[in-house]
Protein backbone atom coordinates (compact mmCIF):
# COMPACT_ATOMS: atom_id res chain seq x y z
CA MET A 1 0.06 0.19 0.20
CA PRO A 2 1.34 3.62 -0.89
CA GLU A 3 2.62 5.61 1.93
CA HIS A 4 0.15 8.36 0.50
CA ALA A 5 -2.88 5.92 0.33
CA ALA A 6 -5.69 6.78 2.75
CA PRO A 7 -6.62 4.07 5.17
CA ALA A 8 -9.90 2.29 4.63
CA ARG A 9 -13.06 3.91 5.71
CA ARG A 10 -15.26 1.06 7.97
CA ARG A 11 -18.82 1.13 6.35
CA GLY A 12 -21.47 2.03 8.63
CA ARG A 13 -22.55 5.08 10.07
CA PRO A 14 -19.74 7.46 12.27
CA ARG A 15 -19.87 6.35 16.03
CA GLY A 16 -19.72 9.80 17.52
CA ARG A 17 -23.65 9.61 15.14
CA THR A 18 -24.43 6.76 17.21
CA ASP A 19 -22.96 7.73 20.60
CA THR A 20 -25.16 11.14 20.34
CA ARG A 21 -28.12 9.63 19.77
CA GLN A 22 -27.76 7.21 22.55
CA ARG A 23 -26.78 9.85 24.79
CA ILE A 24 -30.18 11.92 23.83
CA VAL A 25 -32.44 8.65 25.02
CA ALA A 26 -30.74 8.24 28.13
CA ALA A 27 -30.85 12.07 29.32
CA ALA A 28 -34.41 11.08 28.01
CA GLY A 29 -35.13 9.00 30.20
CA ALA A 30 -33.85 10.30 33.13
CA GLU A 31 -35.73 13.71 32.22
CA PHE A 32 -39.29 12.07 31.80
CA SER A 33 -38.56 9.82 34.85
CA ASP A 34 -37.83 13.15 37.01
CA GLN A 35 -40.76 15.80 35.23
CA GLY A 36 -43.25 13.22 34.12
CA TYR A 37 -44.33 13.72 30.58
CA GLU A 38 -45.73 17.09 30.82
CA GLY A 39 -42.57 18.67 32.71
CA ALA A 40 -40.09 17.40 30.25
CA THR A 41 -39.30 19.55 27.57
CA MET A 42 -36.60 19.03 24.84
CA ARG A 43 -34.71 22.13 25.51
CA GLY A 44 -34.34 20.56 29.29
CA ILE A 45 -33.31 17.04 27.50
CA ALA A 46 -31.24 18.64 25.16
CA ALA A 47 -29.16 20.47 28.39
CA ARG A 48 -28.87 17.30 30.31
CA ALA A 49 -27.25 15.01 27.24
CA GLY A 50 -25.16 18.52 26.06
CA VAL A 51 -26.33 18.98 22.88
CA ASP A 52 -28.45 21.89 21.21
CA ALA A 53 -31.60 21.25 20.93
CA ALA A 54 -31.79 21.16 17.14
CA LEU A 55 -30.34 17.75 17.48
CA LEU A 56 -33.32 16.16 19.42
CA HIS A 57 -35.61 17.16 16.75
CA HIS A 58 -33.33 16.03 14.02
CA TYR A 59 -33.12 12.69 15.63
CA PHE A 60 -36.30 12.39 17.32
CA GLY A 61 -39.20 15.05 15.69
CA THR A 62 -41.16 15.82 18.56
CA LYS A 63 -41.35 14.76 21.95
CA ALA A 64 -43.56 12.14 21.26
CA ASP A 65 -41.38 10.11 18.99
CA LEU A 66 -38.16 10.61 21.33
CA PHE A 67 -40.78 8.91 24.65
CA GLY A 68 -41.81 6.73 22.30
CA GLU A 69 -37.88 6.05 21.02
CA VAL A 70 -37.25 6.21 24.66
CA ILE A 71 -40.08 3.37 26.34
CA GLY A 72 -39.43 1.52 23.21
CA ALA A 73 -43.01 1.31 22.43
CA PRO A 74 -43.91 -1.28 19.65
CA VAL A 75 -46.54 1.30 17.94
CA ARG A 76 -46.80 4.65 18.53
CA PRO A 77 -50.79 5.16 19.73
CA ASP A 78 -50.77 9.21 19.03
CA ILE A 79 -50.22 8.48 15.30
CA VAL A 80 -52.17 5.27 14.81
CA VAL A 81 -55.29 6.99 16.62
CA ALA A 82 -55.03 10.04 14.05
CA GLN A 83 -54.88 7.60 11.67
CA ILE A 84 -58.33 5.54 13.05
CA LEU A 85 -60.25 8.83 13.40
CA GLU A 86 -60.28 10.39 10.01
CA GLY A 87 -62.77 7.04 8.15
CA PRO A 88 -66.21 7.16 8.19
CA ARG A 89 -67.67 8.00 12.26
CA ASP A 90 -69.74 5.77 12.96
CA GLU A 91 -67.25 2.74 12.36
CA VAL A 92 -64.22 3.89 14.21
CA GLY A 93 -65.12 1.90 17.44
CA GLU A 94 -64.36 -1.43 15.04
CA ARG A 95 -61.51 0.19 13.26
CA PHE A 96 -60.22 0.47 16.72
CA VAL A 97 -60.67 -3.00 18.13
CA ARG A 98 -59.56 -4.32 14.46
CA PHE A 99 -56.83 -2.39 15.19
CA LEU A 100 -55.25 -3.24 18.30
CA LEU A 101 -55.68 -7.22 17.81
CA GLU A 102 -54.20 -7.20 14.54
CA ALA A 103 -51.51 -5.43 15.94
CA TRP A 104 -51.05 -7.52 18.44
CA ASP A 105 -51.04 -10.43 16.28
CA LYS A 106 -47.19 -9.76 15.45
CA PRO A 107 -44.89 -11.23 17.77
CA ASP A 108 -42.58 -7.76 17.93
CA VAL A 109 -45.46 -5.60 19.15
CA ARG A 110 -47.41 -8.55 21.61
CA ARG A 111 -43.00 -8.94 23.43
CA ARG A 112 -42.70 -5.37 24.08
CA GLY A 113 -46.74 -4.14 23.73
CA THR A 114 -46.65 -6.60 27.06
CA VAL A 115 -43.15 -5.94 28.75
CA ILE A 116 -45.29 -2.09 27.90
CA LEU A 117 -48.35 -2.63 30.02
CA ARG A 118 -46.64 -4.69 33.01
CA THR A 119 -44.28 -2.10 32.98
CA ALA A 120 -47.46 0.66 33.56
CA ILE A 121 -49.11 -1.49 35.88
CA GLY A 122 -46.70 -2.28 38.62
CA ASN A 123 -44.20 0.44 38.62
CA LYS A 124 -45.21 3.20 40.35
CA ALA A 125 -42.84 5.28 38.95
CA ALA A 126 -43.62 4.77 35.10
CA THR A 127 -47.32 4.65 35.91
CA PRO A 128 -48.11 8.69 36.09
CA LEU A 129 -45.49 8.11 33.22
CA LEU A 130 -47.57 7.10 30.59
CA ALA A 131 -50.54 8.23 32.05
CA GLY A 132 -49.27 11.89 31.44
CA PHE A 133 -48.26 10.66 27.61
CA LEU A 134 -51.67 8.65 27.08
CA SER A 135 -53.44 11.86 28.33
CA ARG A 136 -52.54 14.07 26.04
CA GLU A 137 -50.76 12.47 22.83
CA LEU A 138 -54.10 9.96 22.37
CA LEU A 139 -56.50 10.77 25.02
CA SER A 140 -56.87 14.11 23.85
CA ARG A 141 -57.48 13.77 20.61
CA ILE A 142 -60.12 10.97 20.88
CA ALA A 143 -62.15 13.48 22.82
CA ASP A 144 -62.16 15.82 20.76
CA SER A 145 -63.11 13.84 18.05
CA ALA A 146 -65.84 12.75 20.41
CA GLY A 147 -67.37 15.58 21.25
CA GLY A 148 -70.12 16.70 23.44
CA GLU A 149 -69.66 17.95 27.80
CA ASP A 150 -68.19 14.83 28.79
CA ALA A 151 -65.83 13.97 25.81
CA ASP A 152 -62.60 13.28 28.26
CA LEU A 153 -64.99 10.77 30.23
CA ARG A 154 -65.99 9.38 27.19
CA ALA A 155 -62.07 9.29 26.14
CA ALA A 156 -60.91 7.98 28.83
CA LEU A 157 -63.95 5.37 29.24
CA VAL A 158 -62.59 4.46 25.12
CA ALA A 159 -58.37 3.75 26.80
CA THR A 160 -60.56 1.50 29.63
CA GLN A 161 -62.30 -0.39 27.28
CA VAL A 162 -58.68 -1.03 25.32
CA ALA A 163 -56.41 -1.53 27.87
CA GLY A 164 -59.24 -3.73 29.34
CA LEU A 165 -59.00 -5.84 26.37
CA LEU A 166 -55.24 -5.91 26.11
CA VAL A 167 -55.15 -7.20 29.78
CA GLY A 168 -57.08 -9.39 29.99
CA ARG A 169 -56.05 -11.41 27.02
CA TYR A 170 -52.32 -10.85 26.69
CA LEU A 171 -51.34 -11.07 30.29
CA LEU A 172 -54.19 -12.57 32.12
CA LYS A 173 -54.01 -15.15 29.68
CA LEU A 174 -58.23 -15.55 30.30
CA PRO A 175 -59.30 -18.65 28.29
CA ALA A 176 -61.97 -17.19 26.47
CA LEU A 177 -61.05 -13.94 25.80
CA ALA A 178 -57.14 -15.38 24.84
CA GLU A 179 -59.14 -18.42 22.82
CA ALA A 180 -61.64 -16.08 21.00
CA SER A 181 -61.14 -14.89 17.49
CA ASN A 182 -60.14 -11.47 16.05
CA GLU A 183 -63.56 -10.96 14.31
CA VAL A 184 -65.25 -12.21 17.32
CA LEU A 185 -63.78 -9.82 19.08
CA ILE A 186 -64.50 -6.96 17.39
CA ALA A 187 -67.87 -8.15 17.14
CA ARG A 188 -68.68 -7.80 21.00
CA VAL A 189 -66.43 -4.81 21.36
CA GLY A 190 -66.15 -2.58 18.75
CA PRO A 191 -69.71 -1.54 19.47
CA THR A 192 -68.81 -1.07 23.44
CA VAL A 193 -65.97 1.40 21.78
CA GLN A 194 -68.51 2.76 19.38
CA ALA A 195 -70.48 3.58 21.81
CA TYR A 196 -68.31 6.37 23.39
CA PHE A 197 -68.15 8.24 20.68
CA ALA A 198 -71.92 9.19 20.93
CA SER A 199 -71.99 12.59 22.07
């Protein structure tokens, strides 16, 4: 090899970029833990990570995107619910239940989703954090779509309905729920979810 030849570069991303991303995720996890979802800011996370706030938006986009990365969310409920709510209003309950069941049929989604559910239920620090994220990014959108004086209550009832379904089917594995087909559950639970959208 000639003396003037430059050494061959290794393929892949530069190490510094990976380190910066990991440092941001670690800082975000600490900031969310200390401040809660509502209290945490992108500026505060950037300061904790020792980087410019613009880097957070470059790597992750929004606070919700960064939170999803921190908790390893297999599905982004805030993005999915926006898509579900765009369709025909009289089919939203069925779409909600169908999406959830079909998503959880995927092994990776089920594995990571189960971990998050267990954490949300059994971890005193994580429970309010996840509740804050869901309230701001998910339930508020459902309430806006549902409309009416008690929209916030009905949005919360939607959440309890689908959370109960997921816990019973995938965590507790209640025999009747675990063995029922998706179509049977959609037919049974969909109308209940739909009813909460009636103002």
